[in-house]
Amino acid sequence: MKTKIKKYRKELKMTQEELAEAVDVTRQTIIALEQGRYNPSLVLAYRIKNALKREYIEEVFELEVFL
């Protein structure tokens, strides 16, 4: 899954550790999310979009659909 976590996190001058604390996960989880190696639960995606001050989950996460 592609994300814009890193982009929005940097715009807010937020470290990976700060974001991890804000959404109650480890820094390693944030790293995996930013690298597209981990797909978050809906609850985590919601927490991340809130922490990054985005209105919609779709602004942060791009669902890859294979037809």
C-alpha atoms as a PDB file:
ATOM      1  CA  MET A   1       0.000   0.000   0.000  1.00  0.00           C
ATOM      2  CA  LYS A   2       1.359   3.395  -0.939  1.00  0.00           C
ATOM      3  CA  THR A   3       1.198   6.123   1.677  1.00  0.00           C
ATOM      4  CA  LYS A   4       1.928   9.812   2.078  1.00  0.00           C
ATOM      5  CA  ILE A   5       2.726   9.426   5.774  1.00  0.00           C
ATOM      6  CA  LYS A   6       6.310  10.625   5.406  1.00  0.00           C
ATOM      7  CA  LYS A   7       5.282  13.656   3.334  1.00  0.00           C
ATOM      8  CA  TYR A   8       2.618  14.838   5.776  1.00  0.00           C
ATOM      9  CA  ARG A   9       4.739  13.968   8.827  1.00  0.00           C
ATOM     10  CA  LYS A  10       7.595  16.113   7.510  1.00  0.00           C
ATOM     11  CA  GLU A  11       5.212  18.977   6.684  1.00  0.00           C
ATOM     12  CA  LEU A  12       4.219  18.948  10.366  1.00  0.00           C
ATOM     13  CA  LYS A  13       7.896  18.709  11.404  1.00  0.00           C
ATOM     14  CA  MET A  14       7.038  15.494  13.248  1.00  0.00           C
ATOM     15  CA  THR A  15       9.528  12.695  13.853  1.00  0.00           C
ATOM     16  CA  GLN A  16       8.714   9.038  13.339  1.00  0.00           C
ATOM     17  CA  GLU A  17       8.907   8.598  17.110  1.00  0.00           C
ATOM     18  CA  GLU A  18       6.440  11.437  17.733  1.00  0.00           C
ATOM     19  CA  LEU A  19       3.967  10.001  15.252  1.00  0.00           C
ATOM     20  CA  ALA A  20       4.380   6.536  16.731  1.00  0.00           C
ATOM     21  CA  GLU A  21       3.617   7.871  20.214  1.00  0.00           C
ATOM     22  CA  ALA A  22       0.618   9.831  18.927  1.00  0.00           C
ATOM     23  CA  VAL A  23      -0.965   6.718  17.388  1.00  0.00           C
ATOM     24  CA  ASP A  24       0.242   4.217  20.027  1.00  0.00           C
ATOM     25  CA  VAL A  25       2.543   2.048  17.899  1.00  0.00           C
ATOM     26  CA  THR A  26       6.307   1.542  17.692  1.00  0.00           C
ATOM     27  CA  ARG A  27       8.647   3.581  15.530  1.00  0.00           C
ATOM     28  CA  GLN A  28       9.351   0.378  13.602  1.00  0.00           C
ATOM     29  CA  THR A  29       5.656   0.230  12.633  1.00  0.00           C
ATOM     30  CA  ILE A  30       5.820   3.784  11.282  1.00  0.00           C
ATOM     31  CA  ILE A  31       8.950   2.872   9.295  1.00  0.00           C
ATOM     32  CA  ALA A  32       7.208  -0.201   7.827  1.00  0.00           C
ATOM     33  CA  LEU A  33       4.138   1.879   6.943  1.00  0.00           C
ATOM     34  CA  GLU A  34       6.217   4.580   5.244  1.00  0.00           C
ATOM     35  CA  GLN A  35       8.040   1.926   3.219  1.00  0.00           C
ATOM     36  CA  GLY A  36       4.806   0.203   2.209  1.00  0.00           C
ATOM     37  CA  ARG A  37       5.741  -3.038   3.959  1.00  0.00           C
ATOM     38  CA  TYR A  38       2.779  -3.013   6.367  1.00  0.00           C
ATOM     39  CA  ASN A  39      -0.934  -2.464   5.862  1.00  0.00           C
ATOM     40  CA  PRO A  40      -2.585  -0.786   8.844  1.00  0.00           C
ATOM     41  CA  SER A  41      -5.887  -1.739  10.380  1.00  0.00           C
ATOM     42  CA  LEU A  42      -8.734   0.671   9.747  1.00  0.00           C
ATOM     43  CA  VAL A  43      -8.426   1.925  13.328  1.00  0.00           C
ATOM     44  CA  LEU A  44      -4.704   2.629  12.935  1.00  0.00           C
ATOM     45  CA  ALA A  45      -5.253   4.320   9.567  1.00  0.00           C
ATOM     46  CA  TYR A  46      -7.862   6.553  11.218  1.00  0.00           C
ATOM     47  CA  ARG A  47      -5.486   7.440  14.080  1.00  0.00           C
ATOM     48  CA  ILE A  48      -2.705   8.255  11.618  1.00  0.00           C
ATOM     49  CA  LYS A  49      -4.883  10.523   9.465  1.00  0.00           C
ATOM     50  CA  ASN A  50      -5.951  12.361  12.613  1.00  0.00           C
ATOM     51  CA  ALA A  51      -2.378  12.722  13.881  1.00  0.00           C
ATOM     52  CA  LEU A  52      -1.342  14.053  10.474  1.00  0.00           C
ATOM     53  CA  LYS A  53      -4.264  16.508  10.508  1.00  0.00           C
ATOM     54  CA  ARG A  54      -5.913  15.097   7.382  1.00  0.00           C
ATOM     55  CA  GLU A  55      -9.655  14.976   6.814  1.00  0.00           C
ATOM     56  CA  TYR A  56      -9.826  11.688   4.893  1.00  0.00           C
ATOM     57  CA  ILE A  57      -7.955   8.397   5.183  1.00  0.00           C
ATOM     58  CA  GLU A  58      -7.655   8.402   1.386  1.00  0.00           C
ATOM     59  CA  GLU A  59      -5.425  11.490   1.602  1.00  0.00           C
ATOM     60  CA  VAL A  60      -2.825   9.409   3.438  1.00  0.00           C
ATOM     61  CA  PHE A  61      -3.315   5.871   2.104  1.00  0.00           C
ATOM     62  CA  GLU A  62      -3.659   4.802  -1.518  1.00  0.00           C
ATOM     63  CA  LEU A  63      -5.424   1.495  -1.934  1.00  0.00           C
ATOM     64  CA  GLU A  64      -3.922  -0.587  -4.725  1.00  0.00           C
ATOM     65  CA  VAL A  65      -6.689  -2.466  -6.481  1.00  0.00           C
ATOM     66  CA  PHE A  66      -5.870  -5.365  -8.749  1.00  0.00           C
ATOM     67  CA  LEU A  67      -8.598  -6.238 -11.227  1.00  0.00           C
END
